[in-house]
């Protein structure tokens, strides 16, 4: 499985998502022995955490340009729900 690559952050976000989708498909099929299902679930959780971490890294890098009277200013990324106070 991709557990070692995921643990080392050596796979891309897209690869991790693809592997995660395959795991979900296998688990949803119901044709997996319990021990295998547990292993797949654990690997899926690690891939999910890897994807979440990569998304957080990208969010920190995003800057928005906001037009003001003085021109354009850079503003650090803030998720929509934080800006609205939700």
PDB file of N, CA and C in Angstrom:
ATOM      1  N   UNK A   1       0.838  -1.192   0.000  1.00  0.00           N
ATOM      2  CA  UNK A   1       0.000   0.000   0.000  1.00  0.00           C
ATOM      3  C   UNK A   1       0.881   1.252   0.000  1.00  0.00           C
ATOM      4  N   UNK A   2       0.259   2.389  -0.041  1.00  0.00           N
ATOM      5  CA  UNK A   2       0.984   3.657  -0.152  1.00  0.00           C
ATOM      6  C   UNK A   2       1.320   4.253   1.202  1.00  0.00           C
ATOM      7  N   UNK A   3       1.230   3.469   2.243  1.00  0.00           N
ATOM      8  CA  UNK A   3       1.431   3.963   3.600  1.00  0.00           C
ATOM      9  C   UNK A   3       2.798   4.600   3.784  1.00  0.00           C
ATOM     10  N   UNK A   4       3.839   3.966   3.269  1.00  0.00           N
ATOM     11  CA  UNK A   4       5.187   4.503   3.451  1.00  0.00           C
ATOM     12  C   UNK A   4       5.366   5.816   2.725  1.00  0.00           C
ATOM     13  N   UNK A   5       4.879   5.904   1.497  1.00  0.00           N
ATOM     14  CA  UNK A   5       5.002   7.145   0.736  1.00  0.00           C
ATOM     15  C   UNK A   5       4.211   8.255   1.403  1.00  0.00           C
ATOM     16  N   UNK A   6       3.026   7.938   1.898  1.00  0.00           N
ATOM     17  CA  UNK A   6       2.198   8.951   2.558  1.00  0.00           C
ATOM     18  C   UNK A   6       2.874   9.438   3.827  1.00  0.00           C
ATOM     19  N   UNK A   7       3.502   8.546   4.548  1.00  0.00           N
ATOM     20  CA  UNK A   7       4.168   8.927   5.791  1.00  0.00           C
ATOM     21  C   UNK A   7       5.345   9.855   5.522  1.00  0.00           C
ATOM     22  N   UNK A   8       5.958   9.726   4.363  1.00  0.00           N
ATOM     23  CA  UNK A   8       7.120  10.544   4.037  1.00  0.00           C
ATOM     24  C   UNK A   8       6.769  11.809   3.263  1.00  0.00           C
ATOM     25  N   UNK A   9       5.490  12.084   3.053  1.00  0.00           N
ATOM     26  CA  UNK A   9       5.049  13.262   2.289  1.00  0.00           C
ATOM     27  C   UNK A   9       5.643  13.264   0.883  1.00  0.00           C
ATOM     28  N   UNK A  10       5.917  12.080   0.321  1.00  0.00           N
ATOM     29  CA  UNK A  10       6.545  12.009  -0.991  1.00  0.00           C
ATOM     30  C   UNK A  10       5.528  11.961  -2.120  1.00  0.00           C
ATOM     31  N   UNK A  11       4.255  11.830  -1.810  1.00  0.00           N
ATOM     32  CA  UNK A  11       3.267  11.761  -2.870  1.00  0.00           C
ATOM     33  C   UNK A  11       2.557  13.100  -2.981  1.00  0.00           C
ATOM     34  N   UNK A  12       2.072  13.380  -4.167  1.00  0.00           N
ATOM     35  CA  UNK A  12       1.380  14.647  -4.387  1.00  0.00           C
ATOM     36  C   UNK A  12      -0.029  14.575  -3.800  1.00  0.00           C
ATOM     37  N   UNK A  13      -0.643  15.727  -3.695  1.00  0.00           N
ATOM     38  CA  UNK A  13      -2.024  15.814  -3.223  1.00  0.00           C
ATOM     39  C   UNK A  13      -2.927  14.974  -4.122  1.00  0.00           C
ATOM     40  N   UNK A  14      -2.743  15.100  -5.429  1.00  0.00           N
ATOM     41  CA  UNK A  14      -3.578  14.382  -6.383  1.00  0.00           C
ATOM     42  C   UNK A  14      -3.418  12.869  -6.242  1.00  0.00           C
ATOM     43  N   UNK A  15      -2.183  12.411  -6.052  1.00  0.00           N
ATOM     44  CA  UNK A  15      -1.942  10.978  -5.868  1.00  0.00           C
ATOM     45  C   UNK A  15      -2.588  10.479  -4.584  1.00  0.00           C
ATOM     46  N   UNK A  16      -2.467  11.261  -3.531  1.00  0.00           N
ATOM     47  CA  UNK A  16      -3.067  10.875  -2.253  1.00  0.00           C
ATOM     48  C   UNK A  16      -4.583  10.802  -2.376  1.00  0.00           C
ATOM     49  N   UNK A  17      -5.186  11.768  -3.060  1.00  0.00           N
ATOM     50  CA  UNK A  17      -6.641  11.757  -3.240  1.00  0.00           C
ATOM     51  C   UNK A  17      -7.075  10.551  -4.075  1.00  0.00           C
ATOM     52  N   UNK A  18      -6.316  10.226  -5.097  1.00  0.00           N
ATOM     53  CA  UNK A  18      -6.636   9.073  -5.934  1.00  0.00           C
ATOM     54  C   UNK A  18      -6.589   7.787  -5.115  1.00  0.00           C
ATOM     55  N   UNK A  19      -5.555   7.639  -4.298  1.00  0.00           N
ATOM     56  CA  UNK A  19      -5.433   6.455  -3.451  1.00  0.00           C
ATOM     57  C   UNK A  19      -6.566   6.407  -2.432  1.00  0.00           C
ATOM     58  N   UNK A  20      -6.913   7.547  -1.890  1.00  0.00           N
ATOM     59  CA  UNK A  20      -8.000   7.630  -0.918  1.00  0.00           C
ATOM     60  C   UNK A  20      -9.325   7.212  -1.555  1.00  0.00           C
ATOM     61  N   UNK A  21      -9.576   7.657  -2.775  1.00  0.00           N
ATOM     62  CA  UNK A  21     -10.798   7.278  -3.490  1.00  0.00           C
ATOM     63  C   UNK A  21     -10.854   5.772  -3.723  1.00  0.00           C
ATOM     64  N   UNK A  22      -9.718   5.172  -4.072  1.00  0.00           N
ATOM     65  CA  UNK A  22      -9.678   3.720  -4.286  1.00  0.00           C
ATOM     66  C   UNK A  22      -9.967   2.970  -2.987  1.00  0.00           C
ATOM     67  N   UNK A  23      -9.435   3.480  -1.881  1.00  0.00           N
ATOM     68  CA  UNK A  23      -9.680   2.854  -0.580  1.00  0.00           C
ATOM     69  C   UNK A  23     -11.162   2.918  -0.242  1.00  0.00           C
ATOM     70  N   UNK A  24     -11.763   4.075  -0.454  1.00  0.00           N
ATOM     71  CA  UNK A  24     -13.187   4.240  -0.161  1.00  0.00           C
ATOM     72  C   UNK A  24     -14.014   3.281  -1.010  1.00  0.00           C
ATOM     73  N   UNK A  25     -13.680   3.159  -2.291  1.00  0.00           N
ATOM     74  CA  UNK A  25     -14.399   2.239  -3.175  1.00  0.00           C
ATOM     75  C   UNK A  25     -14.307   0.804  -2.668  1.00  0.00           C
ATOM     76  N   UNK A  26     -13.109   0.396  -2.258  1.00  0.00           N
ATOM     77  CA  UNK A  26     -12.933  -0.980  -1.747  1.00  0.00           C
ATOM     78  C   UNK A  26     -13.727  -1.195  -0.472  1.00  0.00           C
ATOM     79  N   UNK A  27     -13.695  -0.211   0.421  1.00  0.00           N
ATOM     80  CA  UNK A  27     -14.428  -0.359   1.679  1.00  0.00           C
ATOM     81  C   UNK A  27     -15.933  -0.367   1.439  1.00  0.00           C
ATOM     82  N   UNK A  28     -16.402   0.450   0.505  1.00  0.00           N
ATOM     83  CA  UNK A  28     -17.833   0.506   0.218  1.00  0.00           C
ATOM     84  C   UNK A  28     -18.331  -0.750  -0.481  1.00  0.00           C
ATOM     85  N   UNK A  29     -17.437  -1.469  -1.158  1.00  0.00           N
ATOM     86  CA  UNK A  29     -17.854  -2.688  -1.863  1.00  0.00           C
ATOM     87  C   UNK A  29     -18.309  -3.770  -0.885  1.00  0.00           C
ATOM     88  N   UNK A  30     -17.748  -3.759   0.320  1.00  0.00           N
ATOM     89  CA  UNK A  30     -18.133  -4.742   1.325  1.00  0.00           C
ATOM     90  C   UNK A  30     -17.477  -6.096   1.158  1.00  0.00           C
ATOM     91  N   UNK A  31     -16.657  -6.272   0.134  1.00  0.00           N
ATOM     92  CA  UNK A  31     -16.002  -7.554  -0.122  1.00  0.00           C
ATOM     93  C   UNK A  31     -14.600  -7.613   0.474  1.00  0.00           C
ATOM     94  N   UNK A  32     -14.394  -6.963   1.612  1.00  0.00           N
ATOM     95  CA  UNK A  32     -13.075  -6.886   2.219  1.00  0.00           C
ATOM     96  C   UNK A  32     -13.134  -7.550   3.600  1.00  0.00           C
ATOM     97  N   UNK A  33     -12.195  -8.461   3.870  1.00  0.00           N
ATOM     98  CA  UNK A  33     -12.155  -9.057   5.213  1.00  0.00           C
ATOM     99  C   UNK A  33     -11.913  -7.978   6.274  1.00  0.00           C
ATOM    100  N   UNK A  34     -12.347  -8.246   7.492  1.00  0.00           N
ATOM    101  CA  UNK A  34     -12.273  -7.261   8.566  1.00  0.00           C
ATOM    102  C   UNK A  34     -10.862  -6.716   8.767  1.00  0.00           C
ATOM    103  N   UNK A  35      -9.873  -7.575   8.841  1.00  0.00           N
ATOM    104  CA  UNK A  35      -8.497  -7.121   9.063  1.00  0.00           C
ATOM    105  C   UNK A  35      -8.027  -6.200   7.938  1.00  0.00           C
ATOM    106  N   UNK A  36      -8.361  -6.564   6.712  1.00  0.00           N
ATOM    107  CA  UNK A  36      -7.994  -5.725   5.567  1.00  0.00           C
ATOM    108  C   UNK A  36      -8.731  -4.396   5.630  1.00  0.00           C
ATOM    109  N   UNK A  37     -10.004  -4.432   6.020  1.00  0.00           N
ATOM    110  CA  UNK A  37     -10.790  -3.201   6.138  1.00  0.00           C
ATOM    111  C   UNK A  37     -10.178  -2.266   7.164  1.00  0.00           C
ATOM    112  N   UNK A  38      -9.711  -2.808   8.262  1.00  0.00           N
ATOM    113  CA  UNK A  38      -9.077  -1.987   9.302  1.00  0.00           C
ATOM    114  C   UNK A  38      -7.797  -1.353   8.764  1.00  0.00           C
ATOM    115  N   UNK A  39      -6.986  -2.144   8.059  1.00  0.00           N
ATOM    116  CA  UNK A  39      -5.756  -1.607   7.472  1.00  0.00           C
ATOM    117  C   UNK A  39      -6.062  -0.517   6.449  1.00  0.00           C
ATOM    118  N   UNK A  40      -7.069  -0.752   5.612  1.00  0.00           N
ATOM    119  CA  UNK A  40      -7.448   0.244   4.611  1.00  0.00           C
ATOM    120  C   UNK A  40      -7.948   1.523   5.283  1.00  0.00           C
ATOM    121  N   UNK A  41      -8.727   1.357   6.339  1.00  0.00           N
ATOM    122  CA  UNK A  41      -9.230   2.521   7.064  1.00  0.00           C
ATOM    123  C   UNK A  41      -8.079   3.332   7.649  1.00  0.00           C
ATOM    124  N   UNK A  42      -7.113   2.652   8.254  1.00  0.00           N
ATOM    125  CA  UNK A  42      -5.960   3.342   8.834  1.00  0.00           C
ATOM    126  C   UNK A  42      -5.160   4.073   7.762  1.00  0.00           C
ATOM    127  N   UNK A  43      -4.954   3.418   6.630  1.00  0.00           N
ATOM    128  CA  UNK A  43      -4.221   4.068   5.535  1.00  0.00           C
ATOM    129  C   UNK A  43      -5.015   5.264   5.016  1.00  0.00           C
ATOM    130  N   UNK A  44      -6.325   5.106   4.903  1.00  0.00           N
ATOM    131  CA  UNK A  44      -7.176   6.206   4.458  1.00  0.00           C
ATOM    132  C   UNK A  44      -7.094   7.401   5.385  1.00  0.00           C
ATOM    133  N   UNK A  45      -7.066   7.158   6.679  1.00  0.00           N
ATOM    134  CA  UNK A  45      -6.958   8.250   7.647  1.00  0.00           C
ATOM    135  C   UNK A  45      -5.630   8.984   7.487  1.00  0.00           C
ATOM    136  N   UNK A  46      -4.556   8.242   7.275  1.00  0.00           N
ATOM    137  CA  UNK A  46      -3.241   8.879   7.079  1.00  0.00           C
ATOM    138  C   UNK A  46      -3.224   9.703   5.796  1.00  0.00           C
ATOM    139  N   UNK A  47      -3.825   9.166   4.734  1.00  0.00           N
ATOM    140  CA  UNK A  47      -3.889   9.910   3.479  1.00  0.00           C
ATOM    141  C   UNK A  47      -4.745  11.167   3.642  1.00  0.00           C
ATOM    142  N   UNK A  48      -5.833  11.036   4.389  1.00  0.00           N
ATOM    143  CA  UNK A  48      -6.708  12.189   4.644  1.00  0.00           C
ATOM    144  C   UNK A  48      -5.955  13.281   5.399  1.00  0.00           C
ATOM    145  N   UNK A  49      -5.182  12.897   6.407  1.00  0.00           N
ATOM    146  CA  UNK A  49      -4.395  13.864   7.163  1.00  0.00           C
ATOM    147  C   UNK A  49      -3.325  14.503   6.280  1.00  0.00           C
ATOM    148  N   UNK A  50      -2.710  13.715   5.408  1.00  0.00           N
ATOM    149  CA  UNK A  50      -1.712  14.235   4.481  1.00  0.00           C
ATOM    150  C   UNK A  50      -2.340  15.285   3.565  1.00  0.00           C
ATOM    151  N   UNK A  51      -3.516  14.963   3.016  1.00  0.00           N
ATOM    152  CA  UNK A  51      -4.210  15.915   2.131  1.00  0.00           C
ATOM    153  C   UNK A  51      -4.584  17.181   2.891  1.00  0.00           C
ATOM    154  N   UNK A  52      -5.088  17.022   4.104  1.00  0.00           N
ATOM    155  CA  UNK A  52      -5.447  18.186   4.914  1.00  0.00           C
ATOM    156  C   UNK A  52      -4.241  19.069   5.193  1.00  0.00           C
ATOM    157  N   UNK A  53      -3.118  18.457   5.485  1.00  0.00           N
ATOM    158  CA  UNK A  53      -1.896  19.216   5.743  1.00  0.00           C
ATOM    159  C   UNK A  53      -1.423  19.965   4.512  1.00  0.00           C
ATOM    160  N   UNK A  54      -1.505  19.295   3.348  1.00  0.00           N
ATOM    161  CA  UNK A  54      -1.089  19.957   2.113  1.00  0.00           C
ATOM    162  C   UNK A  54      -2.017  21.127   1.796  1.00  0.00           C
ATOM    163  N   UNK A  55      -3.313  20.984   2.047  1.00  0.00           N
ATOM    164  CA  UNK A  55      -4.250  22.081   1.813  1.00  0.00           C
ATOM    165  C   UNK A  55      -3.969  23.254   2.741  1.00  0.00           C
ATOM    166  N   UNK A  56      -3.627  22.964   3.994  1.00  0.00           N
ATOM    167  CA  UNK A  56      -3.297  24.033   4.941  1.00  0.00           C
ATOM    168  C   UNK A  56      -2.048  24.794   4.484  1.00  0.00           C
ATOM    169  N   UNK A  57      -1.061  24.074   3.957  1.00  0.00           N
ATOM    170  CA  UNK A  57       0.153  24.725   3.455  1.00  0.00           C
ATOM    171  C   UNK A  57      -0.179  25.672   2.302  1.00  0.00           C
ATOM    172  N   UNK A  58      -1.051  25.220   1.418  1.00  0.00           N
ATOM    173  CA  UNK A  58      -1.429  26.045   0.272  1.00  0.00           C
ATOM    174  C   UNK A  58      -2.201  27.277   0.740  1.00  0.00           C
ATOM    175  N   UNK A  59      -3.111  27.102   1.689  1.00  0.00           N
ATOM    176  CA  UNK A  59      -3.886  28.235   2.196  1.00  0.00           C
ATOM    177  C   UNK A  59      -2.974  29.323   2.764  1.00  0.00           C
ATOM    178  N   UNK A  60      -1.916  28.906   3.444  1.00  0.00           N
ATOM    179  CA  UNK A  60      -0.992  29.892   4.014  1.00  0.00           C
ATOM    180  C   UNK A  60      -0.250  30.666   2.942  1.00  0.00           C
ATOM    181  N   UNK A  61      -0.093  30.069   1.767  1.00  0.00           N
ATOM    182  CA  UNK A  61       0.659  30.723   0.699  1.00  0.00           C
ATOM    183  C   UNK A  61      -0.208  31.661  -0.150  1.00  0.00           C
ATOM    184  N   UNK A  62      -1.504  31.455  -0.076  1.00  0.00           N
ATOM    185  CA  UNK A  62      -2.396  32.243  -0.939  1.00  0.00           C
ATOM    186  C   UNK A  62      -2.490  33.676  -0.454  1.00  0.00           C
ATOM    187  N   UNK A  63      -2.372  34.570  -1.379  1.00  0.00           N
ATOM    188  CA  UNK A  63      -2.584  35.978  -1.068  1.00  0.00           C
ATOM    189  C   UNK A  63      -3.636  36.504  -2.032  1.00  0.00           C
ATOM    190  N   UNK A  64      -4.506  37.335  -1.509  1.00  0.00           N
ATOM    191  CA  UNK A  64      -5.525  37.945  -2.342  1.00  0.00           C
ATOM    192  C   UNK A  64      -5.149  39.387  -2.619  1.00  0.00           C
ATOM    193  N   UNK A  65      -5.417  39.826  -3.806  1.00  0.00           N
ATOM    194  CA  UNK A  65      -5.225  41.231  -4.130  1.00  0.00           C
ATOM    195  C   UNK A  65      -6.555  41.938  -3.936  1.00  0.00           C
ATOM    196  N   UNK A  66      -6.545  42.993  -3.160  1.00  0.00           N
ATOM    197  CA  UNK A  66      -7.757  43.742  -2.879  1.00  0.00           C
ATOM    198  C   UNK A  66      -7.578  45.162  -3.383  1.00  0.00           C
ATOM    199  N   UNK A  67      -8.515  45.591  -4.187  1.00  0.00           N
ATOM    200  CA  UNK A  67      -8.446  46.933  -4.737  1.00  0.00           C
ATOM    201  C   UNK A  67      -8.977  47.926  -3.707  1.00  0.00           C
ATOM    202  N   UNK A  68      -8.174  48.912  -3.406  1.00  0.00           N
ATOM    203  CA  UNK A  68      -8.577  49.971  -2.491  1.00  0.00           C
ATOM    204  C   UNK A  68      -8.361  51.310  -3.177  1.00  0.00           C
ATOM    205  N   UNK A  69      -8.662  52.360  -2.492  1.00  0.00           N
ATOM    206  CA  UNK A  69      -8.455  53.696  -3.057  1.00  0.00           C
ATOM    207  C   UNK A  69      -6.981  53.945  -3.348  1.00  0.00           C
ATOM    208  N   UNK A  70      -6.088  53.331  -2.573  1.00  0.00           N
ATOM    209  CA  UNK A  70      -4.651  53.525  -2.760  1.00  0.00           C
ATOM    210  C   UNK A  70      -4.077  52.581  -3.818  1.00  0.00           C
ATOM    211  N   UNK A  71      -4.879  51.707  -4.389  1.00  0.00           N
ATOM    212  CA  UNK A  71      -4.401  50.737  -5.370  1.00  0.00           C
ATOM    213  C   UNK A  71      -4.619  49.328  -4.846  1.00  0.00           C
ATOM    214  N   UNK A  72      -3.800  48.412  -5.322  1.00  0.00           N
ATOM    215  CA  UNK A  72      -3.927  47.016  -4.898  1.00  0.00           C
ATOM    216  C   UNK A  72      -3.055  46.764  -3.676  1.00  0.00           C
ATOM    217  N   UNK A  73      -3.588  45.978  -2.753  1.00  0.00           N
ATOM    218  CA  UNK A  73      -2.845  45.592  -1.561  1.00  0.00           C
ATOM    219  C   UNK A  73      -2.891  44.080  -1.438  1.00  0.00           C
ATOM    220  N   UNK A  74      -1.834  43.524  -0.895  1.00  0.00           N
ATOM    221  CA  UNK A  74      -1.809  42.091  -0.639  1.00  0.00           C
ATOM    222  C   UNK A  74      -2.449  41.823   0.708  1.00  0.00           C
ATOM    223  N   UNK A  75      -3.240  40.769   0.754  1.00  0.00           N
ATOM    224  CA  UNK A  75      -3.883  40.382   2.003  1.00  0.00           C
ATOM    225  C   UNK A  75      -3.735  38.878   2.147  1.00  0.00           C
ATOM    226  N   UNK A  76      -3.361  38.435   3.315  1.00  0.00           N
ATOM    227  CA  UNK A  76      -3.212  37.001   3.562  1.00  0.00           C
ATOM    228  C   UNK A  76      -4.562  36.322   3.384  1.00  0.00           C
ATOM    229  N   UNK A  77      -4.523  35.081   2.942  1.00  0.00           N
ATOM    230  CA  UNK A  77      -5.741  34.313   2.722  1.00  0.00           C
ATOM    231  C   UNK A  77      -6.474  34.093   4.039  1.00  0.00           C
ATOM    232  N   UNK A  78      -7.766  34.295   4.022  1.00  0.00           N
ATOM    233  CA  UNK A  78      -8.623  33.964   5.160  1.00  0.00           C
ATOM    234  C   UNK A  78      -9.826  33.240   4.608  1.00  0.00           C
ATOM    235  N   UNK A  79     -10.112  32.037   5.092  1.00  0.00           N
ATOM    236  CA  UNK A  79     -11.284  31.300   4.596  1.00  0.00           C
ATOM    237  C   UNK A  79     -12.548  32.132   4.723  1.00  0.00           C
ATOM    238  N   UNK A  80     -13.493  31.895   3.837  1.00  0.00           N
ATOM    239  CA  UNK A  80     -14.726  32.684   3.756  1.00  0.00           C
ATOM    240  C   UNK A  80     -15.454  32.741   5.104  1.00  0.00           C
ATOM    241  N   UNK A  81     -15.544  31.633   5.821  1.00  0.00           N
ATOM    242  CA  UNK A  81     -16.301  31.638   7.076  1.00  0.00           C
ATOM    243  C   UNK A  81     -15.658  32.487   8.149  1.00  0.00           C
ATOM    244  N   UNK A  82     -14.337  32.682   8.094  1.00  0.00           N
ATOM    245  CA  UNK A  82     -13.668  33.538   9.073  1.00  0.00           C
ATOM    246  C   UNK A  82     -13.947  35.019   8.788  1.00  0.00           C
ATOM    247  N   UNK A  83     -13.995  35.366   7.499  1.00  0.00           N
ATOM    248  CA  UNK A  83     -14.247  36.746   7.136  1.00  0.00           C
ATOM    249  C   UNK A  83     -15.652  37.180   7.523  1.00  0.00           C
ATOM    250  N   UNK A  84     -16.606  36.253   7.482  1.00  0.00           N
ATOM    251  CA  UNK A  84     -17.993  36.566   7.794  1.00  0.00           C
ATOM    252  C   UNK A  84     -18.287  36.407   9.276  1.00  0.00           C
ATOM    253  N   UNK A  85     -17.298  35.968  10.027  1.00  0.00           N
ATOM    254  CA  UNK A  85     -17.472  35.812  11.467  1.00  0.00           C
ATOM    255  C   UNK A  85     -18.225  34.561  11.855  1.00  0.00           C
ATOM    256  N   UNK A  86     -18.288  33.580  10.968  1.00  0.00           N
ATOM    257  CA  UNK A  86     -19.001  32.329  11.255  1.00  0.00           C
ATOM    258  C   UNK A  86     -18.083  31.346  11.947  1.00  0.00           C
TER     259      UNK A  86
END
